[in-house]
Amino acid sequence: MNNIELSGWIFLGTAFAGLFGSLTGLGGGVIVVPLLVLVLGIDLHYAIGASLIAVIATSSVASLSYQRQGYTNSRICLLLVTATSIGAIAGAFIGIIMPKPLLFALFSCILIYSVLAAYLPHRDQGTSHQSSQLAKKLHLSSTYPTPQGEKPYHVKGVVGAYLMMLLAGVLSGMLGIGSGALKVLAMDRMMGLPFRVSTTTSNLMIGMTAAASGGIYLNLGYIDPGLVMPVVLGITCGSFTGAHLFHKLEIRSLRLIFHVLVLGLAAQMIYEGISG
């Protein structure tokens, strides 16, 4: 297979990941690395580097729209992204020296958790509690748009969420993923944010976190432009297409098919890690 054919397959594969990831809510970035490694035979560290650049690109495009709509809480983002960035830099160095079988096993666990987290009920919080003293001092409470107008919400659990973000950053730097499931878990469950606020704020943080660890992979030579270009183009095109088709397709069956595929990739990565 020559470089043009390989680039074409990479584009098609990552477009598929972006399309079904946006339709199912799991995100295409989480399967870009196993797709590149298991299906197309790309080296794991180069796949992680390409995935980080793709995460930056897709997050940057989507976050602009969310900020204009008024959902993103910039204060919370700037506070928590300090934790995710520190974790991402540490995770990048850990991922470089960690044995690949362990990386495969860890990635498999993240894939399985991502599928399970998609079925957890999301509670629209923010008005059922008062803001903590730390949240009040940092002025983290805000409002978000609803059909009935702007709705205020309160914030709690700042310290616990900050520690969770450190872990999310480490996993992002190690595995080249956005760790969006952990970020939403911290903001949705610990801080008590409304679900729309937590997901949109998480989306902005994902790109900033990936940029922190992406610099490490770039400095070590694991960012290959010939690989990054089709990955970024593919997942971006797939994500935009999925967003336009979201209200026109039957999502439930697609979500089930995609989740089964992700679990299959997780099982394959476990096998590859054990077999070496």
Protein backbone atom coordinates (compact mmCIF):
# COMPACT_ATOMS: atom_id res chain seq x y z
CA MET A 1 0.00 0.00 0.00
CA ASN A 2 1.50 3.36 -1.03
CA ASN A 3 1.21 6.60 0.95
CA ILE A 4 -1.76 7.92 -1.06
CA GLU A 5 -3.77 4.74 -0.53
CA LEU A 6 -2.90 4.67 3.16
CA SER A 7 -3.95 8.32 3.56
CA GLY A 8 -7.24 7.53 1.85
CA TRP A 9 -7.97 4.65 4.20
CA ILE A 10 -7.02 6.77 7.21
CA PHE A 11 -9.37 9.52 6.03
CA LEU A 12 -12.27 7.07 5.53
CA GLY A 13 -11.68 5.35 8.86
CA THR A 14 -11.47 8.53 10.91
CA ALA A 15 -14.46 10.01 9.06
CA PHE A 16 -16.43 6.94 10.13
CA ALA A 17 -15.22 7.45 13.71
CA GLY A 18 -16.22 11.13 13.67
CA LEU A 19 -19.60 10.42 12.08
CA PHE A 20 -20.73 7.71 14.48
CA GLY A 21 -19.05 9.36 17.44
CA SER A 22 -21.06 12.54 16.95
CA LEU A 23 -24.29 10.62 16.33
CA THR A 24 -23.95 8.50 19.46
CA GLY A 25 -22.49 11.08 21.83
CA LEU A 26 -19.38 9.01 22.54
CA GLY A 27 -17.09 11.15 20.42
CA GLY A 28 -14.99 9.92 17.52
CA GLY A 29 -11.64 10.67 19.14
CA VAL A 30 -11.91 7.78 21.58
CA ILE A 31 -11.60 5.17 18.79
CA VAL A 32 -9.13 6.98 16.52
CA VAL A 33 -6.10 5.46 18.28
CA PRO A 34 -7.32 1.82 18.29
CA LEU A 35 -8.51 2.25 14.70
CA LEU A 36 -5.10 3.49 13.55
CA VAL A 37 -3.17 0.87 15.54
CA LEU A 38 -5.29 -2.26 15.16
CA VAL A 39 -6.75 -1.78 11.69
CA LEU A 40 -4.14 0.28 9.84
CA GLY A 41 -0.99 -0.83 11.65
CA ILE A 42 0.23 2.61 12.74
CA ASP A 43 2.73 2.75 15.62
CA LEU A 44 0.98 3.47 18.92
CA HIS A 45 2.89 6.65 19.80
CA TYR A 46 2.40 8.16 16.33
CA ALA A 47 -1.31 7.30 16.56
CA ILE A 48 -1.55 9.06 19.93
CA GLY A 49 0.18 12.15 18.53
CA ALA A 50 -2.18 12.32 15.54
CA SER A 51 -5.21 11.81 17.78
CA LEU A 52 -4.16 14.72 20.03
CA ILE A 53 -3.96 17.08 17.04
CA ALA A 54 -7.37 15.87 15.84
CA VAL A 55 -8.83 16.51 19.30
CA ILE A 56 -7.48 20.07 19.21
CA ALA A 57 -9.03 20.69 15.78
CA THR A 58 -12.49 19.32 16.52
CA SER A 59 -12.67 20.92 19.95
CA SER A 60 -11.71 24.35 18.59
CA VAL A 61 -14.41 24.29 15.92
CA ALA A 62 -17.22 23.09 18.19
CA SER A 63 -16.35 25.30 21.18
CA LEU A 64 -16.80 28.50 19.14
CA SER A 65 -20.43 27.64 18.49
CA TYR A 66 -21.11 26.68 22.11
CA GLN A 67 -19.58 29.90 23.43
CA ARG A 68 -21.73 32.00 21.12
CA GLN A 69 -24.82 30.19 22.37
CA GLY A 70 -23.90 31.04 25.97
CA TYR A 71 -23.52 27.54 27.42
CA THR A 72 -19.78 27.46 28.16
CA ASN A 73 -18.63 28.62 31.59
CA SER A 74 -15.25 30.24 30.85
CA ARG A 75 -14.35 30.78 34.52
CA ILE A 76 -14.77 27.10 35.34
CA CYS A 77 -12.87 26.16 32.19
CA LEU A 78 -9.87 28.37 33.03
CA LEU A 79 -9.78 27.05 36.60
CA LEU A 80 -9.97 23.35 35.75
CA VAL A 81 -7.80 23.46 32.64
CA THR A 82 -4.80 24.26 34.84
CA ALA A 83 -5.28 20.81 36.39
CA THR A 84 -5.84 19.01 33.10
CA SER A 85 -2.82 20.69 31.50
CA ILE A 86 -0.50 19.72 34.36
CA GLY A 87 -1.86 16.19 34.21
CA ALA A 88 -1.55 16.05 30.41
CA ILE A 89 2.13 17.03 30.43
CA ALA A 90 2.87 14.42 33.10
CA GLY A 91 0.76 11.85 31.24
CA ALA A 92 2.63 12.44 27.98
CA PHE A 93 5.97 11.62 29.61
CA ILE A 94 4.47 8.59 31.35
CA GLY A 95 2.94 7.35 28.10
CA ILE A 96 6.26 7.58 26.26
CA ILE A 97 8.11 5.37 28.76
CA MET A 98 5.25 3.02 29.74
CA PRO A 99 5.40 -0.47 28.14
CA LYS A 100 2.98 -0.71 25.23
CA PRO A 101 1.08 -3.75 26.62
CA LEU A 102 0.15 -1.65 29.68
CA LEU A 103 -0.96 1.20 27.42
CA PHE A 104 -3.13 -1.23 25.46
CA ALA A 105 -4.73 -2.55 28.65
CA LEU A 106 -5.35 0.95 30.02
CA PHE A 107 -6.85 2.11 26.72
CA SER A 108 -9.18 -0.90 26.76
CA CYS A 109 -10.44 0.06 30.21
CA ILE A 110 -11.11 3.62 29.02
CA LEU A 111 -13.03 2.35 25.99
CA ILE A 112 -15.22 0.14 28.18
CA TYR A 113 -15.83 2.95 30.67
CA SER A 114 -16.77 5.36 27.85
CA VAL A 115 -19.48 2.99 26.66
CA LEU A 116 -20.84 2.43 30.17
CA ALA A 117 -20.78 6.17 30.95
CA ALA A 118 -22.95 6.84 27.89
CA TYR A 119 -25.79 4.95 29.59
CA LEU A 120 -25.56 6.75 32.93
CA PRO A 121 -28.55 9.04 33.56
CA HIS A 122 -27.77 12.74 33.36
CA ARG A 123 -29.42 14.92 35.97
CA ASP A 124 -30.10 18.53 35.09
CA GLN A 125 -28.71 20.08 38.24
CA GLY A 126 -27.48 23.50 39.25
CA THR A 127 -30.63 24.80 40.95
CA SER A 128 -31.10 22.07 43.60
CA HIS A 129 -28.24 23.27 45.81
CA GLN A 130 -26.38 26.39 46.89
CA SER A 131 -22.90 27.33 45.74
CA SER A 132 -20.02 26.35 48.01
CA GLN A 133 -17.97 29.06 49.70
CA LEU A 134 -15.02 28.47 47.37
CA ALA A 135 -17.25 28.66 44.30
CA LYS A 136 -18.69 31.95 45.56
CA LYS A 137 -15.21 33.42 46.09
CA LEU A 138 -14.21 32.41 42.56
CA HIS A 139 -17.52 33.63 41.08
CA LEU A 140 -18.13 30.33 39.26
CA SER A 141 -21.95 30.44 39.26
CA SER A 142 -23.57 31.72 36.09
CA THR A 143 -26.58 31.30 33.80
CA TYR A 144 -27.35 29.33 30.65
CA PRO A 145 -30.01 29.78 27.94
CA THR A 146 -33.29 27.84 28.01
CA PRO A 147 -36.53 28.22 26.01
CA GLN A 148 -37.90 30.11 29.02
CA GLY A 149 -34.93 32.49 29.14
CA GLU A 150 -31.67 32.62 31.06
CA LYS A 151 -31.59 30.13 33.96
CA PRO A 152 -29.15 30.56 36.88
CA TYR A 153 -27.18 27.65 38.34
CA HIS A 154 -24.90 27.11 41.33
CA VAL A 155 -21.57 25.32 41.72
CA LYS A 156 -20.20 23.01 44.42
CA GLY A 157 -17.44 20.39 44.85
CA VAL A 158 -14.66 22.51 43.34
CA VAL A 159 -11.74 20.74 45.06
CA GLY A 160 -12.95 17.23 44.19
CA ALA A 161 -13.54 18.19 40.57
CA TYR A 162 -10.05 19.75 40.36
CA LEU A 163 -8.46 16.49 41.53
CA MET A 164 -10.55 14.51 39.03
CA MET A 165 -9.30 16.83 36.29
CA LEU A 166 -5.71 16.00 37.16
CA LEU A 167 -6.50 12.34 36.45
CA ALA A 168 -8.36 13.23 33.25
CA GLY A 169 -5.33 15.20 32.07
CA VAL A 170 -2.96 12.33 32.77
CA LEU A 171 -5.12 9.92 30.76
CA SER A 172 -5.40 12.44 27.92
CA GLY A 173 -1.64 12.84 27.68
CA MET A 174 -0.96 9.12 27.96
CA LEU A 175 -3.55 7.88 25.47
CA GLY A 176 -4.22 10.79 23.10
CA ILE A 177 -7.89 11.09 24.02
CA GLY A 178 -10.01 13.97 25.23
CA SER A 179 -11.09 12.20 28.46
CA GLY A 180 -14.43 13.93 28.00
CA ALA A 181 -16.27 11.26 29.98
CA LEU A 182 -14.20 11.98 33.10
CA LYS A 183 -14.49 15.74 32.64
CA VAL A 184 -18.27 15.60 32.34
CA LEU A 185 -18.41 13.21 35.32
CA ALA A 186 -16.51 15.73 37.45
CA MET A 187 -18.62 18.72 36.42
CA ASP A 188 -21.95 16.92 36.20
CA ARG A 189 -21.71 14.80 39.34
CA MET A 190 -19.24 16.62 41.60
CA MET A 191 -19.83 20.28 40.75
CA GLY A 192 -23.56 19.86 40.10
CA LEU A 193 -23.56 21.73 36.79
CA PRO A 194 -26.44 21.45 34.31
CA PHE A 195 -25.60 18.81 31.71
CA ARG A 196 -25.44 21.24 28.78
CA VAL A 197 -23.03 23.48 30.67
CA SER A 198 -20.77 20.59 31.69
CA THR A 199 -20.57 19.08 28.19
CA THR A 200 -19.87 22.38 26.43
CA THR A 201 -17.31 23.51 29.01
CA SER A 202 -15.67 20.09 28.78
CA ASN A 203 -15.47 20.43 25.00
CA LEU A 204 -13.45 23.66 25.30
CA MET A 205 -11.14 22.12 27.90
CA ILE A 206 -10.49 19.03 25.76
CA GLY A 207 -8.70 21.02 23.06
CA MET A 208 -6.65 23.05 25.53
CA THR A 209 -5.61 19.88 27.38
CA ALA A 210 -4.62 18.12 24.16
CA ALA A 211 -2.49 21.13 23.19
CA ALA A 212 -0.50 20.81 26.43
CA SER A 213 0.48 17.18 25.83
CA GLY A 214 0.62 17.55 22.04
CA GLY A 215 3.66 19.79 22.41
CA ILE A 216 5.52 16.95 24.15
CA TYR A 217 4.78 14.49 21.35
CA LEU A 218 5.77 17.13 18.77
CA ASN A 219 9.10 17.74 20.50
CA LEU A 220 9.80 13.99 20.59
CA GLY A 221 9.03 13.60 16.88
CA TYR A 222 5.74 11.68 17.17
CA ILE A 223 3.65 14.20 15.21
CA ASP A 224 3.83 13.09 11.57
CA PRO A 225 2.19 15.65 9.21
CA GLY A 226 1.49 12.94 6.64
CA LEU A 227 -0.55 11.05 9.24
CA VAL A 228 -2.07 14.04 11.02
CA MET A 229 -3.58 15.60 7.88
CA PRO A 230 -5.94 12.74 6.88
CA VAL A 231 -6.82 12.10 10.55
CA VAL A 232 -7.84 15.72 11.18
CA LEU A 233 -9.69 16.04 7.88
CA GLY A 234 -11.48 12.73 8.34
CA ILE A 235 -12.69 13.18 11.89
CA THR A 236 -13.69 16.81 11.25
CA CYS A 237 -15.72 15.93 8.14
CA GLY A 238 -17.31 12.98 9.93
CA SER A 239 -18.24 15.04 12.98
CA PHE A 240 -19.85 17.80 10.90
CA THR A 241 -21.80 15.27 8.84
CA GLY A 242 -23.01 13.54 12.00
CA ALA A 243 -24.15 16.84 13.50
CA HIS A 244 -26.29 17.57 10.39
CA LEU A 245 -27.78 14.04 10.34
CA PHE A 246 -28.45 13.88 14.08
CA HIS A 247 -32.12 14.88 13.85
CA LYS A 248 -32.81 12.88 10.68
CA LEU A 249 -31.70 9.36 11.64
CA GLU A 250 -32.78 6.75 14.15
CA ILE A 251 -30.00 7.18 16.69
CA ARG A 252 -30.82 4.38 19.13
CA SER A 253 -29.87 1.51 16.83
CA LEU A 254 -26.78 3.36 15.57
CA ARG A 255 -25.66 3.96 19.15
CA LEU A 256 -25.96 0.25 19.94
CA ILE A 257 -23.98 -0.77 16.84
CA PHE A 258 -21.25 1.77 17.55
CA HIS A 259 -20.96 0.77 21.19
CA VAL A 260 -20.66 -2.90 20.25
CA LEU A 261 -17.88 -1.92 17.84
CA VAL A 262 -16.07 0.02 20.57
CA LEU A 263 -16.30 -2.95 22.95
CA GLY A 264 -14.92 -5.15 20.18
CA LEU A 265 -11.95 -2.80 19.78
CA ALA A 266 -11.42 -2.89 23.55
CA ALA A 267 -11.35 -6.71 23.51
CA GLN A 268 -8.90 -6.67 20.60
CA MET A 269 -6.61 -4.23 22.41
CA ILE A 270 -6.63 -6.45 25.50
CA TYR A 271 -5.66 -9.40 23.32
CA GLU A 272 -2.89 -7.44 21.58
CA GLY A 273 -1.54 -6.26 24.91
CA ILE A 274 -1.44 -9.79 26.33
CA SER A 275 0.04 -11.33 23.22
CA GLY A 276 2.55 -8.52 22.77
